[in-house]
Structure formats: C-alpha cells, structure tokens
C-alpha cells in the first residue's frame, strides 16, 4: 500500500510536467497603442436598423449593459 501511494505521488507530478512541457510556448507580440474617435454603438440595434445618435443613447446604454456587442462608428470609410 505504501509503495502504491509513493508511486502515485510521483506519477501525478510527472504527468503534469509532461503535459505542460508539451504545450507550445507563448510568443511575445509587439503591441501598438491606437486611438479611435467616434460613436460607441450597440451593434444589435445598429445592424437591425442603423439606430445611432443622441436619440438612441438611452436604448444603446441599456443594450450594452445587457451584454449586446459594441462597435465604434468613425468618420473614416
């Protein structure tokens, strides 16, 4: 019984080490700071009916707080 406990106490760490050593190493990627200027939209309403602007702000706030996906509408095309 003691031998079995000793064996399993070594086996689990070895399996864990083998598993994590076989995973690919994360590569560092360069990041670049970017600034967007535009209107924050809830995409659900914008895609359904291009709803945007001050008249849609209250609905957009509720949708975004409820988990709707968001986007940024810019002047660029």
Foldseek 3Di string as FASTA:
>chain_A
DVVVVVVVVVVVVVVVVVVVVPDDDDDDDDDDDDDADAFKFQVVCCVVPNDDDPVCVVVRVVCVVVPGDIDGDHPDD
